[in-house]
Protein backbone atom coordinates (compact mmCIF):
# COMPACT_ATOMS: atom_id res chain seq x y z
CA UNK A 1 79.08 145.74 140.24
CA UNK A 2 78.13 144.34 143.40
CA UNK A 3 79.39 147.08 145.46
CA UNK A 4 78.27 150.12 142.90
CA UNK A 5 74.73 148.74 143.21
CA UNK A 6 74.79 147.29 147.30
CA UNK A 7 74.53 143.40 146.36
CA UNK A 8 73.38 140.29 144.66
CA UNK A 9 69.94 140.63 144.81
CA UNK A 10 69.99 143.91 143.63
CA UNK A 11 72.54 143.72 140.74
CA UNK A 12 69.61 140.82 139.30
CA UNK A 13 66.84 143.14 139.94
CA UNK A 14 68.33 146.40 138.44
CA UNK A 15 66.84 147.80 135.35
CA UNK A 16 68.63 147.90 132.03
CA UNK A 17 69.17 151.49 132.29
CA UNK A 18 70.46 151.35 135.88
CA UNK A 19 73.04 148.14 134.68
CA UNK A 20 74.27 150.42 131.56
CA UNK A 21 74.77 153.65 133.57
CA UNK A 22 76.46 151.27 136.49
CA UNK A 23 78.98 150.38 133.67
CA UNK A 24 77.94 146.92 131.93
CA UNK A 25 78.30 146.47 128.34
CA UNK A 26 75.51 145.18 126.14
CA UNK A 27 76.24 141.62 125.79
CA UNK A 28 76.53 141.47 130.06
CA UNK A 29 73.31 143.09 130.74
CA UNK A 30 71.73 140.78 128.29
CA UNK A 31 73.29 137.17 129.83
CA UNK A 32 71.75 138.84 133.33
CA UNK A 33 68.33 139.68 132.14
CA UNK A 34 67.92 136.57 129.84
CA UNK A 35 70.67 133.88 130.88
CA UNK A 36 71.17 130.78 128.61
CA UNK A 37 69.38 128.04 130.66
CA UNK A 38 71.09 125.45 129.08
CA UNK A 39 74.45 126.73 130.19
CA UNK A 40 72.72 127.06 133.57
CA UNK A 41 71.75 123.74 133.77
CA UNK A 42 75.00 122.38 132.67
CA UNK A 43 76.74 124.43 135.78
CA UNK A 44 74.58 123.75 137.91
CA UNK A 45 74.75 119.68 137.02
CA UNK A 46 78.57 120.09 136.89
CA UNK A 47 78.13 121.73 140.64
CA UNK A 48 76.13 118.67 142.01
CA UNK A 49 79.26 116.70 142.12
CA UNK A 50 80.50 116.54 145.68
CA UNK A 51 84.18 117.08 144.58
CA UNK A 52 83.03 120.22 142.49
CA UNK A 53 83.19 123.69 144.07
CA UNK A 54 81.96 127.26 143.21
CA UNK A 55 84.12 130.08 145.19
CA UNK A 56 82.44 133.38 145.15
CA UNK A 57 83.39 136.76 145.98
CA UNK A 58 81.00 136.97 148.64
CA UNK A 59 81.89 133.83 149.76
CA UNK A 60 83.78 133.25 152.95
CA UNK A 61 86.18 130.22 151.65
CA UNK A 62 87.04 132.84 148.95
CA UNK A 63 91.27 132.80 149.26
CA UNK A 64 92.29 135.85 151.00
CA UNK A 65 95.52 136.98 148.91
CA UNK A 66 93.48 136.53 145.87
CA UNK A 67 91.11 138.93 147.12
CA UNK A 68 93.93 141.87 147.48
CA UNK A 69 95.45 141.45 143.97
CA UNK A 70 94.05 144.53 141.65
CA UNK A 71 91.25 142.33 139.76
CA UNK A 72 90.78 139.45 141.58
CA UNK A 73 88.32 136.54 139.54
CA UNK A 74 84.47 137.50 140.58
CA UNK A 75 84.28 133.62 141.34
CA UNK A 76 86.56 130.41 140.95
CA UNK A 77 85.38 126.75 140.06
CA UNK A 78 87.33 124.47 142.02
CA UNK A 79 87.67 120.35 141.74
CA UNK A 80 89.17 118.83 144.83
CA UNK A 81 89.47 120.39 147.88
CA UNK A 82 89.46 123.98 148.21
CA UNK A 83 90.63 124.49 151.68
CA UNK A 84 93.77 123.73 149.77
CA UNK A 85 93.64 127.28 148.79
CA UNK A 86 94.12 128.90 152.30
CA UNK A 87 97.39 126.87 152.39
CA UNK A 88 100.48 129.14 152.07
CA UNK A 89 101.74 128.55 148.52
CA UNK A 90 104.56 129.39 145.94
CA UNK A 91 103.97 129.17 142.33
CA UNK A 92 106.94 127.65 140.63
CA UNK A 93 106.72 128.53 136.87
CA UNK A 94 108.99 128.76 133.77
CA UNK A 95 109.68 127.39 130.57
CA UNK A 96 107.50 124.83 128.49
CA UNK A 97 110.78 123.40 126.83
CA UNK A 98 113.24 123.43 130.17
CA UNK A 99 116.17 122.07 129.95
CA UNK A 100 117.72 118.62 131.87
CA UNK A 101 119.09 121.10 134.64
CA UNK A 102 115.85 123.51 134.58
CA UNK A 103 113.80 119.94 134.95
CA UNK A 104 116.13 119.02 137.95
CA UNK A 105 115.61 122.40 139.50
CA UNK A 106 111.78 122.26 138.99
CA UNK A 107 111.78 119.20 140.97
CA UNK A 108 114.13 119.57 143.51
CA UNK A 109 112.98 122.85 144.71
CA UNK A 110 108.84 121.96 144.26
CA UNK A 111 110.24 119.06 146.30
CA UNK A 112 111.92 120.66 148.94
CA UNK A 113 109.17 123.58 149.30
CA UNK A 114 106.55 121.22 149.40
CA UNK A 115 108.74 118.97 152.41
CA UNK A 116 109.01 122.33 153.98
CA UNK A 117 104.99 123.15 154.20
CA UNK A 118 104.21 125.15 151.15
CA UNK A 119 101.68 124.15 148.36
CA UNK A 120 103.04 124.57 145.13
CA UNK A 121 100.74 126.13 142.78
CA UNK A 122 101.44 126.37 138.85
CA UNK A 123 99.31 126.35 135.38
CA UNK A 124 99.37 122.72 134.42
CA UNK A 125 101.30 123.64 131.49
CA UNK A 126 103.71 121.16 129.71
CA UNK A 127 107.53 121.41 130.67
CA UNK A 128 108.16 123.33 134.24
CA UNK A 129 104.42 123.53 135.61
CA UNK A 130 103.68 119.73 135.27
CA UNK A 131 107.38 119.25 136.67
CA UNK A 132 106.54 121.21 139.74
CA UNK A 133 103.08 119.99 140.22
CA UNK A 134 104.61 116.05 139.74
CA UNK A 135 107.06 116.92 142.12
CA UNK A 136 104.94 117.98 144.77
CA UNK A 137 102.65 114.86 144.74
CA UNK A 138 105.62 112.88 144.43
CA UNK A 139 106.68 114.36 147.58
CA UNK A 140 103.36 113.22 149.19
CA UNK A 141 101.97 116.33 149.46
CA UNK A 142 98.98 118.60 147.75
CA UNK A 143 99.23 121.14 144.46
CA UNK A 144 97.36 123.79 143.03
CA UNK A 145 96.79 123.87 139.16
CA UNK A 146 95.07 127.00 137.82
CA UNK A 147 93.96 126.32 134.37
CA UNK A 148 92.86 128.60 131.38
CA UNK A 149 89.82 126.20 130.15
CA UNK A 150 87.15 125.18 131.89
CA UNK A 151 87.80 122.29 134.49
CA UNK A 152 86.00 119.64 132.55
CA UNK A 153 88.39 120.88 129.45
CA UNK A 154 92.47 119.66 130.28
CA UNK A 155 94.55 121.25 128.25
CA UNK A 156 97.27 120.56 127.04
CA UNK A 157 96.06 116.87 126.46
CA UNK A 158 99.33 115.76 127.46
CA UNK A 159 98.26 116.84 131.23
CA UNK A 160 95.13 114.26 131.74
CA UNK A 161 96.90 111.77 133.82
CA UNK A 162 98.32 114.64 136.24
CA UNK A 163 94.98 116.32 136.62
CA UNK A 164 93.67 113.72 137.27
CA UNK A 165 96.25 112.98 140.37
CA UNK A 166 95.70 116.67 141.49
CA UNK A 167 91.80 116.32 141.44
CA UNK A 168 92.54 113.11 143.91
CA UNK A 169 95.02 115.03 146.06
CA UNK A 170 95.30 118.62 144.94
CA UNK A 171 92.77 121.25 143.68
CA UNK A 172 92.48 121.98 140.39
CA UNK A 173 90.94 125.81 139.99
CA UNK A 174 89.51 128.06 137.09
CA UNK A 175 87.54 131.36 136.56
CA UNK A 176 86.36 130.12 133.38
CA UNK A 177 83.02 127.83 133.52
CA UNK A 178 82.32 124.22 132.35
CA UNK A 179 82.62 123.85 128.65
CA UNK A 180 85.26 126.68 128.15
CA UNK A 181 88.07 125.55 125.39
CA UNK A 182 91.35 126.77 125.22
CA UNK A 183 91.86 130.43 123.76
CA UNK A 184 94.61 132.10 123.80
CA UNK A 185 93.74 134.82 125.69
CA UNK A 186 92.84 133.19 128.57
CA UNK A 187 96.38 132.19 129.40
CA UNK A 188 97.41 135.45 130.43
CA UNK A 189 93.99 135.61 132.74
CA UNK A 190 95.25 132.93 134.34
CA UNK A 191 98.35 133.96 135.15
CA UNK A 192 97.45 136.82 137.33
CA UNK A 193 95.27 134.15 139.28
CA UNK A 194 98.60 131.59 139.62
CA UNK A 195 100.77 135.01 140.94
CA UNK A 196 97.90 136.06 143.04
CA UNK A 197 97.02 132.86 145.01
CA UNK A 198 100.79 132.62 146.08
CA UNK A 199 103.12 134.50 148.54
CA UNK A 200 106.08 134.39 146.04
CA UNK A 201 106.61 133.48 142.22
CA UNK A 202 109.87 131.28 141.52
CA UNK A 203 110.79 131.62 137.81
CA UNK A 204 113.04 128.35 137.42
CA UNK A 205 114.04 129.03 133.32
CA UNK A 206 112.84 131.14 130.99
CA UNK A 207 113.42 132.77 127.40
CA UNK A 208 113.37 136.47 126.55
CA UNK A 209 110.34 136.04 124.99
CA UNK A 210 108.81 133.66 127.24
CA UNK A 211 105.08 134.09 128.82
CA UNK A 212 106.49 133.41 132.18
CA UNK A 213 107.95 136.74 132.10
CA UNK A 214 104.64 138.25 132.17
CA UNK A 215 103.50 136.38 134.90
CA UNK A 216 106.64 137.64 137.07
CA UNK A 217 105.40 141.05 136.22
CA UNK A 218 102.06 140.91 137.02
CA UNK A 219 103.26 138.91 140.22
CA UNK A 220 105.32 142.06 141.18
CA UNK A 221 102.57 144.32 140.19
CA UNK A 222 100.28 142.34 142.96
CA UNK A 223 103.20 143.23 145.31
CA UNK A 224 104.50 139.15 145.32
CA UNK A 225 108.09 138.27 145.85
CA UNK A 226 109.47 137.14 142.39
CA UNK A 227 112.78 134.49 143.06
CA UNK A 228 114.89 133.63 139.86
CA UNK A 229 117.48 131.08 139.33
CA UNK A 230 120.29 132.02 137.67
CA UNK A 231 122.30 129.79 134.89
CA UNK A 232 124.90 129.84 132.40
CA UNK A 233 125.02 132.61 129.91
CA UNK A 234 125.14 130.32 127.43
CA UNK A 235 121.85 129.04 128.26
CA UNK A 236 119.02 130.64 126.11
CA UNK A 237 116.84 129.26 129.00
CA UNK A 238 118.57 131.24 131.63
CA UNK A 239 118.23 134.98 129.84
CA UNK A 240 114.87 135.51 130.93
CA UNK A 241 116.10 134.90 134.33
CA UNK A 242 118.77 136.87 134.05
CA UNK A 243 116.60 139.77 133.07
CA UNK A 244 114.47 139.25 135.97
CA UNK A 245 117.28 139.22 138.39
CA UNK A 246 118.39 142.71 136.80
CA UNK A 247 114.99 144.12 137.32
CA UNK A 248 115.07 143.25 140.90
CA UNK A 249 113.82 139.96 141.48
CA UNK A 250 115.62 137.64 144.36
CA UNK A 251 118.31 135.41 143.13
CA UNK A 252 117.89 132.64 144.98
CA UNK A 253 120.03 129.29 144.95
CA UNK A 254 118.12 127.03 147.96
CA UNK A 255 114.60 126.67 148.58
CA UNK A 256 115.87 128.04 152.27
CA UNK A 257 116.23 131.73 150.83
CA UNK A 258 112.66 131.60 149.54
CA UNK A 259 111.42 130.23 152.84
CA UNK A 260 112.99 132.97 154.83
CA UNK A 261 111.87 135.79 152.48
CA UNK A 262 108.35 134.87 152.61
CA UNK A 263 107.79 134.74 156.19
CA UNK A 264 106.11 138.37 157.05
CA UNK A 265 103.64 137.26 154.24
CA UNK A 266 103.19 133.75 155.88
CA UNK A 267 102.49 135.44 159.07
CA UNK A 268 99.77 138.03 157.50
CA UNK A 269 98.54 134.62 155.86
CA UNK A 270 98.27 133.28 159.63
CA UNK A 271 96.67 136.17 160.81
CA UNK A 272 93.60 136.35 158.15
CA UNK A 273 93.31 132.39 158.73
CA UNK A 274 92.55 133.22 162.71
CA UNK A 275 90.01 135.91 161.67
CA UNK A 276 87.94 133.25 159.34
CA UNK A 277 88.02 130.79 161.85
CA UNK A 278 87.35 133.03 164.54
CA UNK A 279 89.92 131.60 166.72
CA UNK A 280 91.46 134.72 168.50
CA UNK A 281 90.92 133.22 172.41
CA UNK A 282 93.92 131.60 173.91
CA UNK A 283 93.80 127.97 174.13
CA UNK A 284 94.77 127.54 177.72
CA UNK A 285 95.58 123.94 177.49
CA UNK A 286 97.72 123.97 174.64
CA UNK A 287 99.27 127.15 176.58
CA UNK A 288 100.23 124.96 179.75
CA UNK A 289 101.35 122.46 177.88
CA UNK A 290 103.38 124.56 175.92
CA UNK A 291 105.13 126.06 178.96
CA UNK A 292 105.49 122.44 180.46
CA UNK A 293 108.12 122.03 177.95
CA UNK A 294 110.02 125.18 178.36
CA UNK A 295 109.50 126.36 175.02
CA UNK A 296 108.55 130.04 174.47
CA UNK A 297 105.15 131.42 174.29
CA UNK A 298 103.26 131.34 170.89
CA UNK A 299 100.99 134.04 170.77
CA UNK A 300 98.74 132.43 168.26
CA UNK A 301 96.06 130.35 169.49
CA UNK A 302 96.36 127.96 166.63
CA UNK A 303 100.44 127.65 167.12
CA UNK A 304 99.58 126.42 170.39
CA UNK A 305 97.18 123.86 169.73
CA UNK A 306 99.12 122.57 167.11
CA UNK A 307 101.97 122.81 169.02
CA UNK A 308 100.75 120.68 171.99
CA UNK A 309 99.87 117.88 169.58
CA UNK A 310 103.41 117.67 168.13
CA UNK A 311 106.17 115.30 170.25
CA UNK A 312 109.62 114.48 169.56
CA UNK A 313 108.85 111.82 167.29
CA UNK A 314 108.26 112.08 164.04
CA UNK A 315 104.11 112.91 163.35
CA UNK A 316 102.49 112.91 159.58
CA UNK A 317 100.44 115.87 158.73
CA UNK A 318 96.97 113.93 158.41
CA UNK A 319 97.57 112.98 161.77
CA UNK A 320 98.00 116.35 163.46
CA UNK A 321 95.04 117.80 161.22
CA UNK A 322 92.68 114.68 162.78
CA UNK A 323 94.06 115.42 166.09
CA UNK A 324 93.52 119.28 166.33
CA UNK A 325 90.54 119.24 164.94
CA UNK A 326 91.77 122.49 162.82
CA UNK A 327 91.58 122.54 158.52
CA UNK A 328 94.12 121.21 156.35
CA UNK A 329 94.96 124.84 155.49
CA UNK A 330 95.13 126.16 159.12
CA UNK A 331 97.65 123.20 160.46
CA UNK A 332 99.60 123.65 157.28
CA UNK A 333 99.95 127.62 157.65
CA UNK A 334 100.71 126.92 161.63
CA UNK A 335 103.20 124.37 160.84
CA UNK A 336 105.03 126.76 158.30
CA UNK A 337 105.13 129.30 161.11
CA UNK A 338 106.23 127.15 163.64
CA UNK A 339 109.30 126.18 161.08
CA UNK A 340 110.11 129.68 160.13
CA UNK A 341 110.57 130.02 163.81
CA UNK A 342 112.73 127.15 164.28
CA UNK A 343 110.77 125.07 166.80
CA UNK A 344 109.88 122.28 164.38
CA UNK A 345 111.44 119.97 162.22
CA UNK A 346 110.38 118.43 159.20
CA UNK A 347 111.44 114.73 158.15
CA UNK A 348 111.06 112.66 155.23
CA UNK A 349 107.59 112.41 154.08
CA UNK A 350 106.33 115.35 155.25
CA UNK A 351 105.86 114.49 159.33
CA UNK A 352 106.87 116.90 161.82
CA UNK A 353 108.30 117.00 165.23
CA UNK A 354 109.57 119.48 168.01
CA UNK A 355 112.99 120.67 167.48
């Protein structure tokens, strides 16, 4: 509608006939012309909190990968640090009732991917989703939880404590405004955002009738890589993964396989970060330090800058962010690029050093 009518001001000023000809239904037109003031005030009150954000389609802070999917949300409500949405993400999803082995795999893969510079994204559901979020937080890293409710309505209730942790150390996001309760139809809609934010989707365990398979198909339609863990032929929670593999998903056994497969999209995200930050000029001081170290030339200015603050002793990511003056999203993306090129080493606790 914004593209069709020329912008938000034109949309709000358009007549009912113009809006109808543009394709809006009568309910939406009524909401535009006579908005519910109580709901509007409720939303504005929610947005007044420092940790609450609204990322609209026209905002430069809107996540770039999500913008490219066929049906991106017009806006995202976010609670926590919205810069995390610019970090390279992998979705880790699966059954709400995983086996003991599935639980172990969720923790192991989410923890290792986090330590290797990836942000774990999932849906806050019971089972694999919650285990993946918790593993990322336990490893000292951030995570993204995409909800099918308003951000003030935690669902399921068993995820309340986990959601509180994510609010502090990660970010909760939803396309649904505050006050929106859980509806069955909301969760397939939520799933397209999980895959849309991510460079790839890892399925840990899933039955043949699992909603996880729908998310995986959405990811494929969005051009995302889909990875699946194989399992025992006698495990009903492995049958969904086996079907995905037969349909073209990548069979993986290690986090390293996922990272190597995602390297091209990581480069694309890094380029978008550069464009967004407007950092196209080469940092000469960083280039000098880099060349003095005898390492190959790094063409990206942020890579050169991040490289210049690394030594051969492990340095925590938050120290690199503070010293470089770059955002957490930029530093995370650049560190992952450097790691994929074999130039940095990851240490326990998420610290980095030159290799």
